[in-house]
C-alpha atoms as a PDB file:
ATOM      1  CA  MET A   1      15.521 134.638  80.270  1.00  0.00           C
ATOM      2  CA  ALA A   2      16.428 132.403  77.329  1.00  0.00           C
ATOM      3  CA  LEU A   3      19.943 133.830  77.286  1.00  0.00           C
ATOM      4  CA  VAL A   4      20.442 133.050  80.990  1.00  0.00           C
ATOM      5  CA  THR A   5      19.198 129.498  80.442  1.00  0.00           C
ATOM      6  CA  LEU A   6      21.552 129.052  77.482  1.00  0.00           C
ATOM      7  CA  ILE A   7      24.554 130.340  79.449  1.00  0.00           C
ATOM      8  CA  ALA A   8      23.730 128.077  82.399  1.00  0.00           C
ATOM      9  CA  ALA A   9      23.394 125.067  80.086  1.00  0.00           C
ATOM     10  CA  LEU A  10      26.738 125.815  78.443  1.00  0.00           C
ATOM     11  CA  ALA A  11      28.409 126.246  81.835  1.00  0.00           C
ATOM     12  CA  MET A  12      27.136 122.862  82.993  1.00  0.00           C
ATOM     13  CA  THR A  13      28.268 121.306  79.703  1.00  0.00           C
ATOM     14  CA  ALA A  14      31.722 122.802  80.140  1.00  0.00           C
ATOM     15  CA  GLN A  15      32.060 120.948  83.444  1.00  0.00           C
ATOM     16  CA  ALA A  16      31.068 117.625  81.885  1.00  0.00           C
ATOM     17  CA  ASP A  17      33.622 114.872  81.436  1.00  0.00           C
ATOM     18  CA  GLY A  18      33.456 114.880  77.633  1.00  0.00           C
ATOM     19  CA  ILE A  19      31.819 117.482  75.417  1.00  0.00           C
ATOM     20  CA  TYR A  20      30.293 116.600  72.065  1.00  0.00           C
ATOM     21  CA  LYS A  21      28.870 118.870  69.353  1.00  0.00           C
ATOM     22  CA  TRP A  22      26.536 117.820  66.547  1.00  0.00           C
ATOM     23  CA  VAL A  23      23.961 119.261  64.163  1.00  0.00           C
ATOM     24  CA  ASP A  24      20.539 117.625  63.905  1.00  0.00           C
ATOM     25  CA  GLU A  25      18.498 117.149  60.715  1.00  0.00           C
ATOM     26  CA  ASN A  26      16.900 120.624  61.165  1.00  0.00           C
ATOM     27  CA  GLY A  27      20.300 122.327  61.277  1.00  0.00           C
ATOM     28  CA  VAL A  28      20.199 122.989  65.031  1.00  0.00           C
ATOM     29  CA  VAL A  29      23.569 122.767  66.782  1.00  0.00           C
ATOM     30  CA  HIS A  30      23.562 120.674  69.970  1.00  0.00           C
ATOM     31  CA  PHE A  31      26.155 120.249  72.724  1.00  0.00           C
ATOM     32  CA  GLY A  32      26.077 117.395  75.206  1.00  0.00           C
ATOM     33  CA  SER A  33      28.032 115.234  77.592  1.00  0.00           C
ATOM     34  CA  GLN A  34      26.773 112.096  75.849  1.00  0.00           C
ATOM     35  CA  PRO A  35      27.296 111.528  72.120  1.00  0.00           C
ATOM     36  CA  PRO A  36      24.129 111.455  69.987  1.00  0.00           C
ATOM     37  CA  PRO A  37      22.845 108.357  68.168  1.00  0.00           C
ATOM     38  CA  LYS A  38      25.390 106.663  65.918  1.00  0.00           C
ATOM     39  CA  ASN A  39      23.938 108.101  62.682  1.00  0.00           C
ATOM     40  CA  LYS A  40      24.991 111.656  63.603  1.00  0.00           C
ATOM     41  CA  GLU A  41      28.324 113.257  62.728  1.00  0.00           C
ATOM     42  CA  VAL A  42      29.905 114.359  66.003  1.00  0.00           C
ATOM     43  CA  GLU A  43      32.712 116.790  66.754  1.00  0.00           C
ATOM     44  CA  VAL A  44      34.503 116.035  70.013  1.00  0.00           C
ATOM     45  CA  ILE A  45      35.128 119.341  71.786  1.00  0.00           C
ATOM     46  CA  ARG A  46      36.773 117.730  74.803  1.00  0.00           C
ATOM     47  CA  THR A  47      37.642 114.057  75.056  1.00  0.00           C
ATOM     48  CA  PRO A  48      36.252 112.144  78.025  1.00  0.00           C
ATOM     49  CA  LYS A  49      38.589 111.564  80.956  1.00  0.00           C
ATOM     50  CA  SER A  50      38.436 107.831  80.385  1.00  0.00           C
ATOM     51  CA  ASP A  51      39.909 108.232  76.892  1.00  0.00           C
ATOM     52  CA  ARG A  52      42.644 110.529  78.178  1.00  0.00           C
ATOM     53  CA  TYR A  53      43.417 107.999  80.922  1.00  0.00           C
ATOM     54  CA  LYS A  54      43.593 105.161  78.378  1.00  0.00           C
ATOM     55  CA  GLN A  55      46.093 107.181  76.325  1.00  0.00           C
ATOM     56  CA  TRP A  56      48.211 107.905  79.406  1.00  0.00           C
ATOM     57  CA  GLU A  57      48.070 104.253  80.472  1.00  0.00           C
ATOM     58  CA  ALA A  58      49.177 103.094  76.994  1.00  0.00           C
ATOM     59  CA  GLU A  59      52.117 105.507  77.118  1.00  0.00           C
ATOM     60  CA  GLN A  60      53.102 104.205  80.555  1.00  0.00           C
ATOM     61  CA  GLN A  61      52.881 100.573  79.383  1.00  0.00           C
ATOM     62  CA  ALA A  62      55.050 101.393  76.352  1.00  0.00           C
ATOM     63  CA  LEU A  63      57.653 102.992  78.592  1.00  0.00           C
ATOM     64  CA  LEU A  64      57.681 100.004  80.968  1.00  0.00           C
ATOM     65  CA  ALA A  65      58.001  97.592  78.048  1.00  0.00           C
ATOM     66  CA  THR A  66      60.960  99.475  76.620  1.00  0.00           C
ATOM     67  CA  GLN A  67      62.637  99.605  80.019  1.00  0.00           C
ATOM     68  CA  LYS A  68      62.141  95.850  80.542  1.00  0.00           C
ATOM     69  CA  ALA A  69      63.428  95.103  77.047  1.00  0.00           C
ATOM     70  CA  ALA A  70      66.556  97.111  77.738  1.00  0.00           C
ATOM     71  CA  GLU A  71      67.151  95.255  81.024  1.00  0.00           C
ATOM     72  CA  GLN A  72      66.631  91.683  79.736  1.00  0.00           C
ATOM     73  CA  PRO A  73      69.726  89.941  78.342  1.00  0.00           C
ATOM     74  CA  VAL A  74      69.446  88.212  74.979  1.00  0.00           C
ATOM     75  CA  GLN A  75      70.400  84.506  74.854  1.00  0.00           C
ATOM     76  CA  ALA A  76      71.373  82.778  71.624  1.00  0.00           C
ATOM     77  CA  ASN A  77      72.099  79.026  71.361  1.00  0.00           C
ATOM     78  CA  LYS A  78      72.583  78.613  75.140  1.00  0.00           C
ATOM     79  CA  GLN A  79      75.579  80.917  75.149  1.00  0.00           C
ATOM     80  CA  PRO A  80      76.203  83.236  78.079  1.00  0.00           C
ATOM     81  CA  ALA A  81      73.836  86.140  78.230  1.00  0.00           C
ATOM     82  CA  VAL A  82      74.985  89.024  76.088  1.00  0.00           C
ATOM     83  CA  LYS A  83      73.226  92.332  75.819  1.00  0.00           C
ATOM     84  CA  ALA A  84      72.285  92.847  72.228  1.00  0.00           C
ATOM     85  CA  GLU A  85      72.581  96.300  70.769  1.00  0.00           C
ATOM     86  CA  PRO A  86      69.117  97.547  69.835  1.00  0.00           C
ATOM     87  CA  GLU A  87      68.515  98.433  66.240  1.00  0.00           C
ATOM     88  CA  PRO A  88      68.804 102.146  65.579  1.00  0.00           C
ATOM     89  CA  ARG A  89      65.160 102.392  64.481  1.00  0.00           C
ATOM     90  CA  GLN A  90      63.890 100.744  67.683  1.00  0.00           C
ATOM     91  CA  GLN A  91      66.119 103.008  69.713  1.00  0.00           C
ATOM     92  CA  VAL A  92      64.658 106.078  67.978  1.00  0.00           C
ATOM     93  CA  ASP A  93      61.088 104.874  68.563  1.00  0.00           C
ATOM     94  CA  THR A  94      61.868 104.136  72.206  1.00  0.00           C
ATOM     95  CA  SER A  95      63.477 107.484  72.799  1.00  0.00           C
ATOM     96  CA  GLN A  96      60.590 109.300  71.090  1.00  0.00           C
ATOM     97  CA  ALA A  97      58.023 107.494  73.235  1.00  0.00           C
ATOM     98  CA  GLU A  98      60.075 108.119  76.352  1.00  0.00           C
ATOM     99  CA  ARG A  99      60.501 111.809  75.478  1.00  0.00           C
ATOM    100  CA  ALA A 100      56.735 112.146  74.994  1.00  0.00           C
ATOM    101  CA  ILE A 101      56.046 110.548  78.368  1.00  0.00           C
ATOM    102  CA  ARG A 102      58.674 112.677  80.086  1.00  0.00           C
ATOM    103  CA  ALA A 103      57.203 115.815  78.481  1.00  0.00           C
ATOM    104  CA  GLN A 104      53.747 114.831  79.730  1.00  0.00           C
ATOM    105  CA  ARG A 105      55.100 114.267  83.254  1.00  0.00           C
ATOM    106  CA  CYS A 106      56.896 117.603  83.062  1.00  0.00           C
ATOM    107  CA  ARG A 107      53.722 119.484  82.064  1.00  0.00           C
ATOM    108  CA  ARG A 108      51.708 117.811  84.820  1.00  0.00           C
ATOM    109  CA  ALA A 109      54.341 118.575  87.445  1.00  0.00           C
ATOM    110  CA  GLN A 110      54.594 122.199  86.297  1.00  0.00           C
ATOM    111  CA  ASP A 111      50.807 122.607  86.469  1.00  0.00           C
ATOM    112  CA  ASN A 112      50.739 120.937  89.874  1.00  0.00           C
ATOM    113  CA  LEU A 113      53.552 123.140  91.182  1.00  0.00           C
ATOM    114  CA  GLN A 114      51.771 126.245  89.887  1.00  0.00           C
ATOM    115  CA  GLU A 115      48.580 125.272  91.742  1.00  0.00           C
ATOM    116  CA  LEU A 116      50.416 124.403  94.947  1.00  0.00           C
ATOM    117  CA  THR A 117      52.477 127.588  95.045  1.00  0.00           C
ATOM    118  CA  SER A 118      49.820 130.058  93.914  1.00  0.00           C
ATOM    119  CA  HIS A 119      47.337 129.115  96.651  1.00  0.00           C
ATOM    120  CA  SER A 120      48.052 128.848 100.339  1.00  0.00           C
ATOM    121  CA  ARG A 121      44.940 126.741 100.932  1.00  0.00           C
ATOM    122  CA  VAL A 122      44.917 123.771  98.593  1.00  0.00           C
ATOM    123  CA  ARG A 123      42.116 121.242  98.599  1.00  0.00           C
ATOM    124  CA  ALA A 124      42.557 117.597  97.660  1.00  0.00           C
ATOM    125  CA  VAL A 125      40.327 114.548  97.583  1.00  0.00           C
ATOM    126  CA  GLY A 126      40.769 112.532 100.754  1.00  0.00           C
ATOM    127  CA  PRO A 127      40.590 108.745 101.143  1.00  0.00           C
ATOM    128  CA  ASP A 128      36.862 109.008 101.844  1.00  0.00           C
ATOM    129  CA  GLY A 129      36.282 110.817  98.536  1.00  0.00           C
ATOM    130  CA  GLU A 130      35.578 114.161 100.202  1.00  0.00           C
ATOM    131  CA  LEU A 131      37.540 117.353  99.589  1.00  0.00           C
ATOM    132  CA  ARG A 132      39.859 118.397 102.381  1.00  0.00           C
ATOM    133  CA  VAL A 133      42.303 121.264 102.864  1.00  0.00           C
ATOM    134  CA  LEU A 134      45.905 120.086 102.793  1.00  0.00           C
ATOM    135  CA  PRO A 135      47.930 120.813 105.921  1.00  0.00           C
ATOM    136  CA  GLU A 136      50.916 123.084 105.259  1.00  0.00           C
ATOM    137  CA  GLU A 137      53.393 120.217 105.809  1.00  0.00           C
ATOM    138  CA  GLU A 138      51.705 118.055 103.186  1.00  0.00           C
ATOM    139  CA  ARG A 139      51.483 120.995 100.770  1.00  0.00           C
ATOM    140  CA  GLN A 140      55.232 121.588 101.167  1.00  0.00           C
ATOM    141  CA  GLU A 141      55.927 117.864 100.612  1.00  0.00           C
ATOM    142  CA  ARG A 142      53.899 117.961  97.407  1.00  0.00           C
ATOM    143  CA  ILE A 143      55.736 121.098  96.265  1.00  0.00           C
ATOM    144  CA  ALA A 144      59.075 119.345  96.844  1.00  0.00           C
ATOM    145  CA  LYS A 145      57.863 116.262  94.967  1.00  0.00           C
ATOM    146  CA  ALA A 146      56.683 118.385  92.033  1.00  0.00           C
ATOM    147  CA  ARG A 147      60.053 120.147  91.900  1.00  0.00           C
ATOM    148  CA  ARG A 148      61.879 116.775  91.886  1.00  0.00           C
ATOM    149  CA  THR A 149      59.643 115.558  89.068  1.00  0.00           C
ATOM    150  CA  ILE A 150      60.337 118.734  87.097  1.00  0.00           C
ATOM    151  CA  ARG A 151      64.080 118.356  87.698  1.00  0.00           C
ATOM    152  CA  ASP A 152      64.005 114.722  86.540  1.00  0.00           C
ATOM    153  CA  ASN A 153      61.701 115.114  83.517  1.00  0.00           C
ATOM    154  CA  CYS A 154      62.053 118.655  82.158  1.00  0.00           C
END
């Protein structure tokens, strides 16, 4: 009975947003969806979705900033606008950040395409927050969009 309870607890923990692991003062290992008090040393098994979203958002903001910087002309002493050549180091940093973002988009699109093509009945969250089965037309549109994203980013 204890084994069944332990397996059920671990299964519920695996579905949690973030998973944390720590050892208490008696040497007992604990897993939880909420981190323990601040005085404990915690190992993050799976980062919370909010942290992953913040990382993605920062990458997107960096990409937008580099694109805007490349589009804006540089003006010096009221002379006509001339595009300045970016320094090689900035160009390397920009291209590395852009490559990382493109790789992330590529992985997401590949995963999405795999899900859409491997199942004929795909469920998605509707505008009301409830799960609904996608109509075949919408599923095909999403497959086409995923393929375009893969073509553009991979």
